[in-house]
Amino acid sequence: MADLSIDPQQYDSRSQSALDDALKTVNETYPAISGLGLKVQPDQGPGFAETYSATEERNPNFGTPTVGVRKSDMSPQQLKQLLLGESLHILPEVDKRFDVMRSQFVASMQPSQMKVAQKMYDQREPDDKRSFSQYVRDVVAPAFIRDYVWKNTGGTPGGEPFVQGVGPISDAFFPQNLPALDGILKALKSKK
């Protein structure tokens, strides 16, 4: 696993040049992402980042999928991993392969994974009116998928994976999940 630590005094992961460099590398490494027309920019708020779909009202660049990076003390490698993970929210909207594989992953989720899903759903924002199944599709599945992709491509930006203690594979996954997850890894390396 790559060393993802860096002295935060030496690198501002929210500078536009750092964001542009990271996105360029991600687009070159993962051709599926290069076709998104993704914009990346600094953002304010809690957490590491916020992903805005092209049609989301809150999107500061309405019409263009956007990732707003909120955390300023990430290394270049952490920033690249963050952008890779955030792009997984948008890929199913524009590339049918990812939508199908996300649905396959949801169908393969085991009871312990669904307990995590229920806990996440119970803790969602009060104004989030999505049904449980829609929430699993939009929020929970991407969180699991992102962890799997990160574990297989160079590490988790925050150090610890989101999902732990759930399954026998990488502490979060089951054999039934692997066809969809491995399909996503393979599809990231190819254009639509």
C-alpha atoms as a PDB file:
ATOM      1  CA  MET A   1       0.000   0.000   0.000  1.00  0.00           C
ATOM      2  CA  ALA A   2       1.295   3.452  -0.863  1.00  0.00           C
ATOM      3  CA  ASP A   3       2.350   5.847   1.893  1.00  0.00           C
ATOM      4  CA  LEU A   4      -0.402   8.461   1.795  1.00  0.00           C
ATOM      5  CA  SER A   5       1.062  10.796   4.435  1.00  0.00           C
ATOM      6  CA  ILE A   6       2.457  14.253   3.713  1.00  0.00           C
ATOM      7  CA  ASP A   7       3.304  17.394   5.646  1.00  0.00           C
ATOM      8  CA  PRO A   8       0.143  19.528   5.201  1.00  0.00           C
ATOM      9  CA  GLN A   9       2.280  22.697   5.353  1.00  0.00           C
ATOM     10  CA  GLN A  10       3.894  21.729   2.032  1.00  0.00           C
ATOM     11  CA  TYR A  11       0.839  20.958  -0.094  1.00  0.00           C
ATOM     12  CA  ASP A  12      -2.628  22.490  -0.381  1.00  0.00           C
ATOM     13  CA  SER A  13      -4.918  19.879  -1.896  1.00  0.00           C
ATOM     14  CA  ARG A  14      -7.582  22.533  -2.498  1.00  0.00           C
ATOM     15  CA  SER A  15      -5.453  24.728  -4.776  1.00  0.00           C
ATOM     16  CA  GLN A  16      -6.856  24.707  -8.296  1.00  0.00           C
ATOM     17  CA  SER A  17      -3.525  23.564  -9.759  1.00  0.00           C
ATOM     18  CA  ALA A  18      -3.386  20.584  -7.359  1.00  0.00           C
ATOM     19  CA  LEU A  19      -6.994  19.707  -8.222  1.00  0.00           C
ATOM     20  CA  ASP A  20      -6.372  19.992 -11.969  1.00  0.00           C
ATOM     21  CA  ASP A  21      -3.198  17.875 -11.763  1.00  0.00           C
ATOM     22  CA  ALA A  22      -4.965  15.169  -9.767  1.00  0.00           C
ATOM     23  CA  LEU A  23      -7.939  15.080 -12.148  1.00  0.00           C
ATOM     24  CA  LYS A  24      -5.611  14.863 -15.162  1.00  0.00           C
ATOM     25  CA  THR A  25      -3.838  11.857 -13.644  1.00  0.00           C
ATOM     26  CA  VAL A  26      -7.141  10.165 -12.733  1.00  0.00           C
ATOM     27  CA  ASN A  27      -8.493  10.736 -16.258  1.00  0.00           C
ATOM     28  CA  GLU A  28      -5.315   9.250 -17.796  1.00  0.00           C
ATOM     29  CA  THR A  29      -5.310   6.252 -15.452  1.00  0.00           C
ATOM     30  CA  TYR A  30      -9.043   5.491 -15.663  1.00  0.00           C
ATOM     31  CA  PRO A  31     -10.401   6.135 -19.183  1.00  0.00           C
ATOM     32  CA  ALA A  32     -14.001   5.596 -18.045  1.00  0.00           C
ATOM     33  CA  ILE A  33     -13.701   8.713 -15.890  1.00  0.00           C
ATOM     34  CA  SER A  34     -12.178  10.831 -18.648  1.00  0.00           C
ATOM     35  CA  GLY A  35     -15.484  10.754 -20.525  1.00  0.00           C
ATOM     36  CA  LEU A  36     -17.422  12.333 -17.655  1.00  0.00           C
ATOM     37  CA  GLY A  37     -16.386  15.910 -18.350  1.00  0.00           C
ATOM     38  CA  LEU A  38     -15.850  16.189 -14.599  1.00  0.00           C
ATOM     39  CA  LYS A  39     -14.980  19.555 -13.071  1.00  0.00           C
ATOM     40  CA  VAL A  40     -13.149  19.741  -9.765  1.00  0.00           C
ATOM     41  CA  GLN A  41     -12.896  22.798  -7.543  1.00  0.00           C
ATOM     42  CA  PRO A  42     -12.428  23.853  -3.919  1.00  0.00           C
ATOM     43  CA  ASP A  43     -15.584  23.649  -1.788  1.00  0.00           C
ATOM     44  CA  GLN A  44     -16.668  24.462   1.761  1.00  0.00           C
ATOM     45  CA  GLY A  45     -18.388  22.164   4.236  1.00  0.00           C
ATOM     46  CA  PRO A  46     -17.832  19.060   6.312  1.00  0.00           C
ATOM     47  CA  GLY A  47     -16.027  15.953   5.150  1.00  0.00           C
ATOM     48  CA  PHE A  48     -13.529  15.404   2.384  1.00  0.00           C
ATOM     49  CA  ALA A  49     -15.626  16.313  -0.669  1.00  0.00           C
ATOM     50  CA  GLU A  50     -19.074  16.702  -2.154  1.00  0.00           C
ATOM     51  CA  THR A  51     -20.074  15.324  -5.526  1.00  0.00           C
ATOM     52  CA  TYR A  52     -22.708  17.167  -7.539  1.00  0.00           C
ATOM     53  CA  SER A  53     -24.455  15.512 -10.479  1.00  0.00           C
ATOM     54  CA  ALA A  54     -24.848  17.657 -13.593  1.00  0.00           C
ATOM     55  CA  THR A  55     -28.549  18.260 -12.891  1.00  0.00           C
ATOM     56  CA  GLU A  56     -28.380  18.751  -9.133  1.00  0.00           C
ATOM     57  CA  GLU A  57     -29.745  22.144  -8.090  1.00  0.00           C
ATOM     58  CA  ARG A  58     -26.948  22.661  -5.553  1.00  0.00           C
ATOM     59  CA  ASN A  59     -24.284  22.121  -8.224  1.00  0.00           C
ATOM     60  CA  PRO A  60     -22.160  25.287  -8.485  1.00  0.00           C
ATOM     61  CA  ASN A  61     -21.579  24.387 -12.174  1.00  0.00           C
ATOM     62  CA  PHE A  62     -25.088  23.277 -13.146  1.00  0.00           C
ATOM     63  CA  GLY A  63     -24.888  21.151 -16.288  1.00  0.00           C
ATOM     64  CA  THR A  64     -21.404  19.815 -15.497  1.00  0.00           C
ATOM     65  CA  PRO A  65     -20.703  17.025 -12.995  1.00  0.00           C
ATOM     66  CA  THR A  66     -18.584  18.577 -10.259  1.00  0.00           C
ATOM     67  CA  VAL A  67     -16.535  17.429  -7.292  1.00  0.00           C
ATOM     68  CA  GLY A  68     -16.024  20.040  -4.609  1.00  0.00           C
ATOM     69  CA  VAL A  69     -12.941  19.228  -2.520  1.00  0.00           C
ATOM     70  CA  ARG A  70     -13.273  20.322   1.098  1.00  0.00           C
ATOM     71  CA  LYS A  71     -10.232  18.858   2.831  1.00  0.00           C
ATOM     72  CA  SER A  72      -7.032  20.843   2.319  1.00  0.00           C
ATOM     73  CA  ASP A  73      -4.360  18.641   3.891  1.00  0.00           C
ATOM     74  CA  MET A  74      -4.323  15.602   1.603  1.00  0.00           C
ATOM     75  CA  SER A  75      -1.276  14.325  -0.227  1.00  0.00           C
ATOM     76  CA  PRO A  76      -1.316  14.188  -4.044  1.00  0.00           C
ATOM     77  CA  GLN A  77      -2.003  10.422  -3.837  1.00  0.00           C
ATOM     78  CA  GLN A  78      -4.864  10.930  -1.376  1.00  0.00           C
ATOM     79  CA  LEU A  79      -6.372  13.582  -3.640  1.00  0.00           C
ATOM     80  CA  LYS A  80      -6.223  11.258  -6.658  1.00  0.00           C
ATOM     81  CA  GLN A  81      -7.878   8.477  -4.660  1.00  0.00           C
ATOM     82  CA  LEU A  82     -10.554  10.909  -3.465  1.00  0.00           C
ATOM     83  CA  LEU A  83     -11.386  11.971  -7.036  1.00  0.00           C
ATOM     84  CA  LEU A  84     -11.468   8.343  -8.151  1.00  0.00           C
ATOM     85  CA  GLY A  85     -13.899   7.518  -5.359  1.00  0.00           C
ATOM     86  CA  GLU A  86     -16.102  10.545  -5.927  1.00  0.00           C
ATOM     87  CA  SER A  87     -16.365   9.812  -9.656  1.00  0.00           C
ATOM     88  CA  LEU A  88     -18.026   6.493  -8.776  1.00  0.00           C
ATOM     89  CA  HIS A  89     -21.124   8.491  -7.778  1.00  0.00           C
ATOM     90  CA  ILE A  90     -21.436   9.959 -11.273  1.00  0.00           C
ATOM     91  CA  LEU A  91     -20.386   7.036 -13.493  1.00  0.00           C
ATOM     92  CA  PRO A  92     -23.687   5.116 -13.160  1.00  0.00           C
ATOM     93  CA  GLU A  93     -25.574   8.210 -14.389  1.00  0.00           C
ATOM     94  CA  VAL A  94     -23.650   8.390 -17.661  1.00  0.00           C
ATOM     95  CA  ASP A  95     -22.340   4.874 -18.326  1.00  0.00           C
ATOM     96  CA  LYS A  96     -24.849   2.025 -18.342  1.00  0.00           C
ATOM     97  CA  ARG A  97     -22.133  -0.533 -17.494  1.00  0.00           C
ATOM     98  CA  PHE A  98     -21.639   1.063 -14.078  1.00  0.00           C
ATOM     99  CA  ASP A  99     -25.375   1.331 -13.452  1.00  0.00           C
ATOM    100  CA  VAL A 100     -25.780  -2.395 -14.197  1.00  0.00           C
ATOM    101  CA  MET A 101     -22.826  -3.385 -11.992  1.00  0.00           C
ATOM    102  CA  ARG A 102     -24.038  -1.177  -9.148  1.00  0.00           C
ATOM    103  CA  SER A 103     -27.423  -2.950  -9.352  1.00  0.00           C
ATOM    104  CA  GLN A 104     -25.637  -6.313  -9.382  1.00  0.00           C
ATOM    105  CA  PHE A 105     -23.701  -5.320  -6.285  1.00  0.00           C
ATOM    106  CA  VAL A 106     -26.881  -4.250  -4.468  1.00  0.00           C
ATOM    107  CA  ALA A 107     -28.508  -7.576  -5.361  1.00  0.00           C
ATOM    108  CA  SER A 108     -25.476  -9.424  -3.950  1.00  0.00           C
ATOM    109  CA  MET A 109     -25.409  -7.593  -0.606  1.00  0.00           C
ATOM    110  CA  GLN A 110     -25.462  -9.934   2.387  1.00  0.00           C
ATOM    111  CA  PRO A 111     -27.364  -9.485   5.688  1.00  0.00           C
ATOM    112  CA  SER A 112     -24.390  -7.929   7.517  1.00  0.00           C
ATOM    113  CA  GLN A 113     -23.954  -5.432   4.672  1.00  0.00           C
ATOM    114  CA  MET A 114     -27.658  -4.622   4.785  1.00  0.00           C
ATOM    115  CA  LYS A 115     -27.323  -3.912   8.515  1.00  0.00           C
ATOM    116  CA  VAL A 116     -24.736  -1.272   7.637  1.00  0.00           C
ATOM    117  CA  ALA A 117     -27.143   0.054   5.003  1.00  0.00           C
ATOM    118  CA  GLN A 118     -29.966   0.290   7.540  1.00  0.00           C
ATOM    119  CA  LYS A 119     -27.732   2.101  10.022  1.00  0.00           C
ATOM    120  CA  MET A 120     -26.682   4.600   7.335  1.00  0.00           C
ATOM    121  CA  TYR A 121     -30.312   5.089   6.314  1.00  0.00           C
ATOM    122  CA  ASP A 122     -31.369   5.694   9.911  1.00  0.00           C
ATOM    123  CA  GLN A 123     -28.651   8.372  10.232  1.00  0.00           C
ATOM    124  CA  ARG A 124     -29.390  10.181   6.951  1.00  0.00           C
ATOM    125  CA  GLU A 125     -30.137  13.889   6.849  1.00  0.00           C
ATOM    126  CA  PRO A 126     -33.710  14.643   8.039  1.00  0.00           C
ATOM    127  CA  ASP A 127     -34.650  16.274   4.730  1.00  0.00           C
ATOM    128  CA  ASP A 128     -33.546  13.221   2.707  1.00  0.00           C
ATOM    129  CA  LYS A 129     -36.863  11.665   1.643  1.00  0.00           C
ATOM    130  CA  ARG A 130     -35.493   8.786  -0.452  1.00  0.00           C
ATOM    131  CA  SER A 131     -36.864   5.310   0.164  1.00  0.00           C
ATOM    132  CA  PHE A 132     -34.562   2.739   1.743  1.00  0.00           C
ATOM    133  CA  SER A 133     -33.983   0.969  -1.585  1.00  0.00           C
ATOM    134  CA  GLN A 134     -33.189   4.238  -3.360  1.00  0.00           C
ATOM    135  CA  TYR A 135     -30.840   5.257  -0.543  1.00  0.00           C
ATOM    136  CA  VAL A 136     -29.022   1.925  -0.786  1.00  0.00           C
ATOM    137  CA  ARG A 137     -28.662   2.420  -4.539  1.00  0.00           C
ATOM    138  CA  ASP A 138     -27.531   6.072  -4.355  1.00  0.00           C
ATOM    139  CA  VAL A 139     -25.483   6.213  -1.136  1.00  0.00           C
ATOM    140  CA  VAL A 140     -24.723   2.850   0.445  1.00  0.00           C
ATOM    141  CA  ALA A 141     -23.697   0.891  -2.647  1.00  0.00           C
ATOM    142  CA  PRO A 142     -21.323   3.658  -3.811  1.00  0.00           C
ATOM    143  CA  ALA A 143     -19.724   3.702  -0.330  1.00  0.00           C
ATOM    144  CA  PHE A 144     -19.054  -0.048  -0.448  1.00  0.00           C
ATOM    145  CA  ILE A 145     -17.914   0.093  -4.085  1.00  0.00           C
ATOM    146  CA  ARG A 146     -15.621   3.036  -3.365  1.00  0.00           C
ATOM    147  CA  ASP A 147     -13.969   1.133  -0.504  1.00  0.00           C
ATOM    148  CA  TYR A 148     -13.367  -1.882  -2.739  1.00  0.00           C
ATOM    149  CA  VAL A 149     -11.931   0.248  -5.529  1.00  0.00           C
ATOM    150  CA  TRP A 150      -9.695   2.112  -3.088  1.00  0.00           C
ATOM    151  CA  LYS A 151      -8.437  -1.119  -1.525  1.00  0.00           C
ATOM    152  CA  ASN A 152      -7.442  -2.326  -4.984  1.00  0.00           C
ATOM    153  CA  THR A 153      -5.951   0.871  -6.435  1.00  0.00           C
ATOM    154  CA  GLY A 154      -3.681   2.466  -3.861  1.00  0.00           C
ATOM    155  CA  GLY A 155      -5.351   3.199  -0.566  1.00  0.00           C
ATOM    156  CA  THR A 156      -8.091   5.089   1.209  1.00  0.00           C
ATOM    157  CA  PRO A 157      -7.717   8.891   1.378  1.00  0.00           C
ATOM    158  CA  GLY A 158      -8.744   9.039   5.033  1.00  0.00           C
ATOM    159  CA  GLY A 159      -6.548   6.156   6.140  1.00  0.00           C
ATOM    160  CA  GLU A 160      -9.315   3.849   7.317  1.00  0.00           C
ATOM    161  CA  PRO A 161     -11.865   2.228   5.014  1.00  0.00           C
ATOM    162  CA  PHE A 162     -15.462   3.280   5.448  1.00  0.00           C
ATOM    163  CA  VAL A 163     -16.794  -0.259   5.889  1.00  0.00           C
ATOM    164  CA  GLN A 164     -15.107  -2.632   8.355  1.00  0.00           C
ATOM    165  CA  GLY A 165     -15.985  -5.798  10.245  1.00  0.00           C
ATOM    166  CA  VAL A 166     -18.728  -6.826   7.835  1.00  0.00           C
ATOM    167  CA  GLY A 167     -17.427  -9.609   5.611  1.00  0.00           C
ATOM    168  CA  PRO A 168     -14.595 -12.099   5.090  1.00  0.00           C
ATOM    169  CA  ILE A 169     -12.934 -10.383   2.100  1.00  0.00           C
ATOM    170  CA  SER A 170     -11.029  -7.200   3.034  1.00  0.00           C
ATOM    171  CA  ASP A 171     -13.182  -7.116   6.181  1.00  0.00           C
ATOM    172  CA  ALA A 172     -16.198  -5.888   4.194  1.00  0.00           C
ATOM    173  CA  PHE A 173     -17.067  -8.092   1.215  1.00  0.00           C
ATOM    174  CA  PHE A 174     -18.374 -11.534   0.292  1.00  0.00           C
ATOM    175  CA  PRO A 175     -17.664 -13.813  -2.679  1.00  0.00           C
ATOM    176  CA  GLN A 176     -21.138 -12.962  -4.028  1.00  0.00           C
ATOM    177  CA  ASN A 177     -20.071  -9.288  -4.318  1.00  0.00           C
ATOM    178  CA  LEU A 178     -16.925  -9.929  -6.349  1.00  0.00           C
ATOM    179  CA  PRO A 179     -18.329 -10.287  -9.891  1.00  0.00           C
ATOM    180  CA  ALA A 180     -19.815  -6.789  -9.772  1.00  0.00           C
ATOM    181  CA  LEU A 181     -16.887  -5.243  -7.898  1.00  0.00           C
ATOM    182  CA  ASP A 182     -14.221  -6.769 -10.132  1.00  0.00           C
ATOM    183  CA  GLY A 183     -16.291  -5.761 -13.157  1.00  0.00           C
ATOM    184  CA  ILE A 184     -16.222  -2.153 -11.949  1.00  0.00           C
ATOM    185  CA  LEU A 185     -12.438  -2.261 -11.522  1.00  0.00           C
ATOM    186  CA  LYS A 186     -12.058  -3.592 -15.064  1.00  0.00           C
ATOM    187  CA  ALA A 187     -14.528  -1.106 -16.556  1.00  0.00           C
ATOM    188  CA  LEU A 188     -12.698   1.847 -14.972  1.00  0.00           C
ATOM    189  CA  LYS A 189      -9.729   1.015 -17.205  1.00  0.00           C
ATOM    190  CA  SER A 190     -11.753   1.146 -20.424  1.00  0.00           C
ATOM    191  CA  LYS A 191     -13.802   3.727 -22.308  1.00  0.00           C
ATOM    192  CA  LYS A 192     -17.540   3.327 -22.734  1.00  0.00           C
END
